[in-house]
Amino acid sequence: MINAGSLVLKRWNPEWAEAAAEVVKESLPELIPLLPWAHDGYSVHDSAGLLAMCEEGWKDGSHFGYAIFTSTGDLIGSISLMTMHLPRMSSGQFKRHVRTREGCRRGSRVDGCSSGRAGPGR
């Protein structure tokens, strides 16, 4: 767990699949154009699959997914680091539309030389 004051990052837990699905469903209009796994009809089953992939990523060192909570315990999104071509690492985040009023994905590649952002209108 990483306590960052008003935000708390916790390693994704498969038991949170239902809450994660709710967060995604609330922001589908913003996420569908940006994330290949976001689609109409997104379900708890879809969420459980993604969280299982997160577990595997932690085990093999390729993906490190965190749930983002408010300091009061509300799930508001996700952030992750993914290895691409070592020593490079990619990062991405998703924030819940209901909390931020702008459900979106932002990503960047961090390799000491370049970075970029992806999001609505970018």
Protein backbone atom coordinates (compact mmCIF):
# COMPACT_ATOMS: atom_id res chain seq x y z
CA MET A 1 0.00 0.00 0.00
CA ILE A 2 1.17 3.50 -0.85
CA ASN A 3 -0.42 6.29 1.18
CA ALA A 4 -0.16 9.54 -0.76
CA GLY A 5 -2.28 11.74 1.49
CA SER A 6 -5.63 12.18 -0.27
CA LEU A 7 -5.02 9.05 -2.38
CA VAL A 8 -4.11 5.51 -1.41
CA LEU A 9 -2.70 2.99 -3.89
CA LYS A 10 -3.24 -0.69 -3.18
CA ARG A 11 -2.15 -3.69 -5.20
CA TRP A 12 -5.26 -4.95 -7.03
CA ASN A 13 -7.11 -7.69 -5.17
CA PRO A 14 -9.26 -10.14 -7.19
CA GLU A 15 -12.00 -9.72 -4.57
CA TRP A 16 -12.54 -6.17 -5.85
CA ALA A 17 -13.78 -7.29 -9.28
CA GLU A 18 -17.34 -6.10 -8.67
CA ALA A 19 -16.27 -2.65 -7.48
CA ALA A 20 -13.81 -2.36 -10.36
CA ALA A 21 -16.52 -3.25 -12.88
CA GLU A 22 -18.77 -0.53 -11.44
CA VAL A 23 -16.01 2.07 -11.76
CA VAL A 24 -15.35 1.09 -15.38
CA LYS A 25 -19.04 1.03 -16.34
CA GLU A 26 -19.51 4.57 -15.03
CA SER A 27 -16.82 5.83 -17.39
CA LEU A 28 -17.34 3.65 -20.48
CA PRO A 29 -18.12 6.54 -22.87
CA GLU A 30 -14.72 8.04 -22.11
CA LEU A 31 -12.82 4.74 -21.95
CA ILE A 32 -14.12 2.88 -25.02
CA PRO A 33 -12.19 5.07 -27.53
CA LEU A 34 -8.98 4.71 -25.53
CA LEU A 35 -8.74 1.25 -24.01
CA PRO A 36 -9.16 -1.97 -25.98
CA TRP A 37 -10.63 -3.86 -23.02
CA ALA A 38 -13.41 -1.30 -22.38
CA HIS A 39 -16.66 -2.17 -24.22
CA ASP A 40 -20.42 -1.90 -23.95
CA GLY A 41 -21.67 -4.63 -21.67
CA TYR A 42 -18.49 -4.61 -19.55
CA SER A 43 -19.11 -7.04 -16.69
CA VAL A 44 -17.77 -8.35 -13.42
CA HIS A 45 -16.46 -11.32 -15.43
CA ASP A 46 -14.43 -8.91 -17.62
CA SER A 47 -13.14 -7.14 -14.53
CA ALA A 48 -12.17 -10.43 -12.88
CA GLY A 49 -10.20 -11.34 -16.00
CA LEU A 50 -8.26 -8.09 -15.91
CA LEU A 51 -7.54 -8.46 -12.22
CA ALA A 52 -6.32 -12.02 -12.83
CA MET A 53 -3.95 -10.60 -15.45
CA CYS A 54 -2.75 -8.09 -12.86
CA GLU A 55 -1.99 -10.96 -10.47
CA GLU A 56 -0.01 -12.74 -13.18
CA GLY A 57 1.86 -9.55 -13.98
CA TRP A 58 2.97 -9.17 -10.37
CA LYS A 59 4.13 -12.80 -10.38
CA ASP A 60 6.17 -12.57 -13.58
CA GLY A 61 7.35 -8.97 -13.08
CA SER A 62 5.74 -7.58 -16.24
CA HIS A 63 2.81 -5.57 -14.86
CA PHE A 64 2.25 -3.85 -11.53
CA GLY A 65 -1.37 -2.76 -11.15
CA TYR A 66 -2.70 -0.65 -8.31
CA ALA A 67 -6.23 0.36 -7.38
CA ILE A 68 -6.58 4.06 -6.54
CA PHE A 69 -8.70 4.84 -3.48
CA THR A 70 -9.56 8.11 -1.80
CA SER A 71 -8.36 8.48 1.77
CA THR A 72 -11.93 7.61 2.82
CA GLY A 73 -11.83 4.29 0.97
CA ASP A 74 -13.73 5.02 -2.27
CA LEU A 75 -12.33 3.24 -5.33
CA ILE A 76 -11.75 5.87 -8.02
CA GLY A 77 -9.46 4.25 -10.56
CA SER A 78 -6.38 2.32 -11.46
CA ILE A 79 -2.75 2.94 -12.23
CA SER A 80 -0.15 0.53 -13.42
CA LEU A 81 3.42 0.16 -14.56
CA MET A 82 4.21 -2.29 -17.34
CA THR A 83 7.61 -3.38 -18.50
CA MET A 84 7.98 -3.13 -22.25
CA HIS A 85 11.56 -3.44 -23.41
CA LEU A 86 13.81 -3.23 -20.43
CA PRO A 87 14.97 -0.84 -19.14
CA ARG A 88 11.87 1.02 -20.36
CA MET A 89 8.66 1.03 -18.41
CA SER A 90 5.21 2.24 -19.44
CA SER A 91 2.67 3.75 -17.09
CA GLY A 92 -1.04 4.34 -17.42
CA GLN A 93 -3.91 5.49 -15.29
CA PHE A 94 -7.67 5.51 -15.31
CA LYS A 95 -9.77 7.70 -13.06
CA ARG A 96 -13.44 7.20 -12.31
CA HIS A 97 -15.74 9.55 -14.21
CA VAL A 98 -18.16 10.04 -11.31
CA ARG A 99 -15.39 11.31 -9.04
CA THR A 100 -13.37 13.36 -11.50
CA ARG A 101 -16.07 14.20 -14.07
CA GLU A 102 -13.52 13.25 -16.71
CA GLY A 103 -13.04 9.50 -16.92
CA CYS A 104 -9.93 9.15 -18.98
CA ARG A 105 -6.77 7.25 -19.56
CA ARG A 106 -3.39 8.81 -19.52
CA GLY A 107 -0.26 6.94 -20.36
CA SER A 108 3.38 7.57 -20.80
CA ARG A 109 6.51 5.67 -21.59
CA VAL A 110 9.30 6.32 -19.17
CA ASP A 111 12.77 5.51 -20.44
CA GLY A 112 14.81 8.51 -19.47
CA CYS A 113 14.54 9.95 -23.00
CA SER A 114 10.90 10.26 -24.04
CA SER A 115 7.40 10.30 -22.69
CA GLY A 116 3.97 10.96 -24.09
CA ARG A 117 0.37 11.24 -23.06
CA ALA A 118 -2.77 9.70 -24.42
CA GLY A 119 -6.18 10.93 -23.49
CA PRO A 120 -9.30 12.60 -24.82
CA GLY A 121 -8.40 14.94 -27.65
CA ARG A 122 -4.73 13.95 -27.63
